[in-house]
Amino acid sequence: MGTFTQSVAVERDRQGAPARLHWEGREYVLAERPLRWFERRRWWAEEARAEKGRGPGLVDHEIWRLQVRLARAGNAPVRTVDLAHHLDSGRWRLVRVHAPAHERTLSRTA
């Protein structure tokens, strides 16, 4: 588990929140309501300059934390993932897959 970046497909609900995730040929549904926050980007490392009037998506990333399970397996374990939503292009990127709770517990006791 850890931090990386991978393109994923996301279906959104009427309010614009993620409702389904398509990742590595599998479909995931939400097990809990998603959480959203914004994180600062290092835009100066990625952009030549900041155009006047351009704000959303330049300075901040929209991040969503999802708890998902495989759509075809109602008893599948829940996975926690973080997605970044690029506001200008509408693209979604998987940026972190969290270790399952039992793995975090084992690593603390080892």
C-alpha atoms as a PDB file:
ATOM      1  CA  MET A   1       0.000   0.000   0.000  1.00  0.00           C
ATOM      2  CA  GLY A   2       1.134   3.565  -0.354  1.00  0.00           C
ATOM      3  CA  THR A   3       1.198   6.689  -2.457  1.00  0.00           C
ATOM      4  CA  PHE A   4       1.281   6.625  -6.267  1.00  0.00           C
ATOM      5  CA  THR A   5      -0.796   7.960  -9.135  1.00  0.00           C
ATOM      6  CA  GLN A   6      -2.995   5.972 -11.505  1.00  0.00           C
ATOM      7  CA  SER A   7      -5.845   7.086 -13.742  1.00  0.00           C
ATOM      8  CA  VAL A   8      -9.274   5.720 -12.731  1.00  0.00           C
ATOM      9  CA  ALA A   9     -12.857   6.166 -13.911  1.00  0.00           C
ATOM     10  CA  VAL A  10     -15.396   7.566 -11.466  1.00  0.00           C
ATOM     11  CA  GLU A  11     -19.183   7.749 -11.718  1.00  0.00           C
ATOM     12  CA  ARG A  12     -20.640  10.639  -9.739  1.00  0.00           C
ATOM     13  CA  ASP A  13     -23.969  11.089  -7.989  1.00  0.00           C
ATOM     14  CA  ARG A  14     -26.323  14.048  -8.558  1.00  0.00           C
ATOM     15  CA  GLN A  15     -24.415  16.176  -6.038  1.00  0.00           C
ATOM     16  CA  GLY A  16     -21.098  15.499  -7.800  1.00  0.00           C
ATOM     17  CA  ALA A  17     -19.645  13.105  -5.210  1.00  0.00           C
ATOM     18  CA  PRO A  18     -18.087   9.815  -6.327  1.00  0.00           C
ATOM     19  CA  ALA A  19     -20.616   6.961  -6.399  1.00  0.00           C
ATOM     20  CA  ARG A  20     -18.701   4.172  -8.214  1.00  0.00           C
ATOM     21  CA  LEU A  21     -15.060   3.533  -8.970  1.00  0.00           C
ATOM     22  CA  HIS A  22     -13.691   1.582 -11.939  1.00  0.00           C
ATOM     23  CA  TRP A  23     -10.130   0.469 -11.220  1.00  0.00           C
ATOM     24  CA  GLU A  24      -7.986  -2.249 -12.791  1.00  0.00           C
ATOM     25  CA  GLY A  25     -10.933  -3.736 -14.678  1.00  0.00           C
ATOM     26  CA  ARG A  26     -13.129  -4.011 -11.578  1.00  0.00           C
ATOM     27  CA  GLU A  27     -16.117  -2.035 -10.394  1.00  0.00           C
ATOM     28  CA  TYR A  28     -16.278  -0.812  -6.792  1.00  0.00           C
ATOM     29  CA  VAL A  29     -19.227   0.664  -4.910  1.00  0.00           C
ATOM     30  CA  LEU A  30     -19.103   2.888  -1.869  1.00  0.00           C
ATOM     31  CA  ALA A  31     -19.405   1.269   1.548  1.00  0.00           C
ATOM     32  CA  GLU A  32     -19.545   4.636   3.361  1.00  0.00           C
ATOM     33  CA  ARG A  33     -20.193   8.259   2.486  1.00  0.00           C
ATOM     34  CA  PRO A  34     -17.062   9.794   0.879  1.00  0.00           C
ATOM     35  CA  LEU A  35     -14.997  12.555   2.505  1.00  0.00           C
ATOM     36  CA  ARG A  36     -13.688  15.570   0.574  1.00  0.00           C
ATOM     37  CA  TRP A  37     -10.955  18.121   1.276  1.00  0.00           C
ATOM     38  CA  PHE A  38      -8.475  20.277  -0.609  1.00  0.00           C
ATOM     39  CA  GLU A  39      -4.674  20.047  -0.525  1.00  0.00           C
ATOM     40  CA  ARG A  40      -2.113  22.550  -1.768  1.00  0.00           C
ATOM     41  CA  ARG A  41      -0.400  21.688  -5.036  1.00  0.00           C
ATOM     42  CA  ARG A  42       3.199  22.481  -5.845  1.00  0.00           C
ATOM     43  CA  TRP A  43       1.850  24.296  -8.903  1.00  0.00           C
ATOM     44  CA  TRP A  44       5.095  26.221  -9.454  1.00  0.00           C
ATOM     45  CA  ALA A  45       6.862  22.891 -10.154  1.00  0.00           C
ATOM     46  CA  GLU A  46       4.234  21.836 -12.711  1.00  0.00           C
ATOM     47  CA  GLU A  47       3.223  25.100 -14.392  1.00  0.00           C
ATOM     48  CA  ALA A  48       5.348  27.679 -16.181  1.00  0.00           C
ATOM     49  CA  ARG A  49       3.246  30.481 -14.680  1.00  0.00           C
ATOM     50  CA  ALA A  50      -0.099  31.187 -13.086  1.00  0.00           C
ATOM     51  CA  GLU A  51      -2.385  32.995 -15.476  1.00  0.00           C
ATOM     52  CA  LYS A  52      -4.368  35.874 -14.048  1.00  0.00           C
ATOM     53  CA  GLY A  53      -7.833  34.797 -12.927  1.00  0.00           C
ATOM     54  CA  ARG A  54      -7.042  31.084 -12.941  1.00  0.00           C
ATOM     55  CA  GLY A  55      -7.681  29.632  -9.508  1.00  0.00           C
ATOM     56  CA  PRO A  56      -9.626  26.362  -9.148  1.00  0.00           C
ATOM     57  CA  GLY A  57      -7.354  23.406  -9.766  1.00  0.00           C
ATOM     58  CA  LEU A  58      -4.187  25.486  -9.974  1.00  0.00           C
ATOM     59  CA  VAL A  59      -3.397  25.999  -6.297  1.00  0.00           C
ATOM     60  CA  ASP A  60      -5.448  23.222  -4.691  1.00  0.00           C
ATOM     61  CA  HIS A  61      -6.203  19.568  -5.430  1.00  0.00           C
ATOM     62  CA  GLU A  62      -9.668  18.254  -4.659  1.00  0.00           C
ATOM     63  CA  ILE A  63      -9.127  15.011  -2.721  1.00  0.00           C
ATOM     64  CA  TRP A  64     -11.772  12.387  -1.984  1.00  0.00           C
ATOM     65  CA  ARG A  65     -11.366   9.514   0.489  1.00  0.00           C
ATOM     66  CA  LEU A  66     -13.532   6.553  -0.432  1.00  0.00           C
ATOM     67  CA  GLN A  67     -14.299   3.333   1.367  1.00  0.00           C
ATOM     68  CA  VAL A  68     -15.193   0.879  -1.368  1.00  0.00           C
ATOM     69  CA  ARG A  69     -15.870  -2.798  -1.934  1.00  0.00           C
ATOM     70  CA  LEU A  70     -16.180  -4.897  -5.079  1.00  0.00           C
ATOM     71  CA  ALA A  71     -19.613  -4.391  -6.632  1.00  0.00           C
ATOM     72  CA  ARG A  72     -20.126  -8.092  -7.404  1.00  0.00           C
ATOM     73  CA  ALA A  73     -19.222  -9.310  -3.904  1.00  0.00           C
ATOM     74  CA  GLY A  74     -21.437  -7.867  -1.183  1.00  0.00           C
ATOM     75  CA  ASN A  75     -19.272  -9.404   1.543  1.00  0.00           C
ATOM     76  CA  ALA A  76     -15.947  -8.271   0.019  1.00  0.00           C
ATOM     77  CA  PRO A  77     -13.603  -6.461   2.393  1.00  0.00           C
ATOM     78  CA  VAL A  78     -13.715  -2.675   2.417  1.00  0.00           C
ATOM     79  CA  ARG A  79     -10.718  -0.822   0.946  1.00  0.00           C
ATOM     80  CA  THR A  80      -9.887   2.798   1.658  1.00  0.00           C
ATOM     81  CA  VAL A  81      -8.502   4.844  -1.236  1.00  0.00           C
ATOM     82  CA  ASP A  82      -7.773   8.510  -1.889  1.00  0.00           C
ATOM     83  CA  LEU A  83      -8.577  10.072  -5.271  1.00  0.00           C
ATOM     84  CA  ALA A  84      -7.470  13.412  -6.677  1.00  0.00           C
ATOM     85  CA  HIS A  85      -9.914  15.168  -8.994  1.00  0.00           C
ATOM     86  CA  HIS A  86      -8.340  17.532 -11.544  1.00  0.00           C
ATOM     87  CA  LEU A  87     -10.897  20.316 -11.783  1.00  0.00           C
ATOM     88  CA  ASP A  88      -9.734  21.696 -15.159  1.00  0.00           C
ATOM     89  CA  SER A  89      -9.786  18.398 -17.072  1.00  0.00           C
ATOM     90  CA  GLY A  90     -12.266  16.416 -14.974  1.00  0.00           C
ATOM     91  CA  ARG A  91      -9.726  13.562 -14.697  1.00  0.00           C
ATOM     92  CA  TRP A  92      -9.550  11.349 -11.621  1.00  0.00           C
ATOM     93  CA  ARG A  93      -6.311   9.892 -10.254  1.00  0.00           C
ATOM     94  CA  LEU A  94      -5.900   7.243  -7.586  1.00  0.00           C
ATOM     95  CA  VAL A  95      -3.195   8.660  -5.316  1.00  0.00           C
ATOM     96  CA  ARG A  96      -3.220   6.397  -2.256  1.00  0.00           C
ATOM     97  CA  VAL A  97      -4.382   2.934  -1.234  1.00  0.00           C
ATOM     98  CA  HIS A  98      -4.501   2.564   2.541  1.00  0.00           C
ATOM     99  CA  ALA A  99      -3.465  -0.656   4.262  1.00  0.00           C
ATOM    100  CA  PRO A 100      -6.358  -2.660   5.697  1.00  0.00           C
ATOM    101  CA  ALA A 101      -6.965  -2.101   9.415  1.00  0.00           C
ATOM    102  CA  HIS A 102      -5.675  -5.567  10.391  1.00  0.00           C
ATOM    103  CA  GLU A 103      -2.354  -4.876   8.576  1.00  0.00           C
ATOM    104  CA  ARG A 104      -1.914  -1.540  10.381  1.00  0.00           C
ATOM    105  CA  THR A 105      -2.490  -3.276  13.722  1.00  0.00           C
ATOM    106  CA  LEU A 106       0.069  -5.980  12.915  1.00  0.00           C
ATOM    107  CA  SER A 107       2.726  -3.459  11.848  1.00  0.00           C
ATOM    108  CA  ARG A 108       2.368  -1.554  15.144  1.00  0.00           C
ATOM    109  CA  THR A 109       2.827  -4.688  17.242  1.00  0.00           C
ATOM    110  CA  ALA A 110       5.761  -6.106  15.242  1.00  0.00           C
END
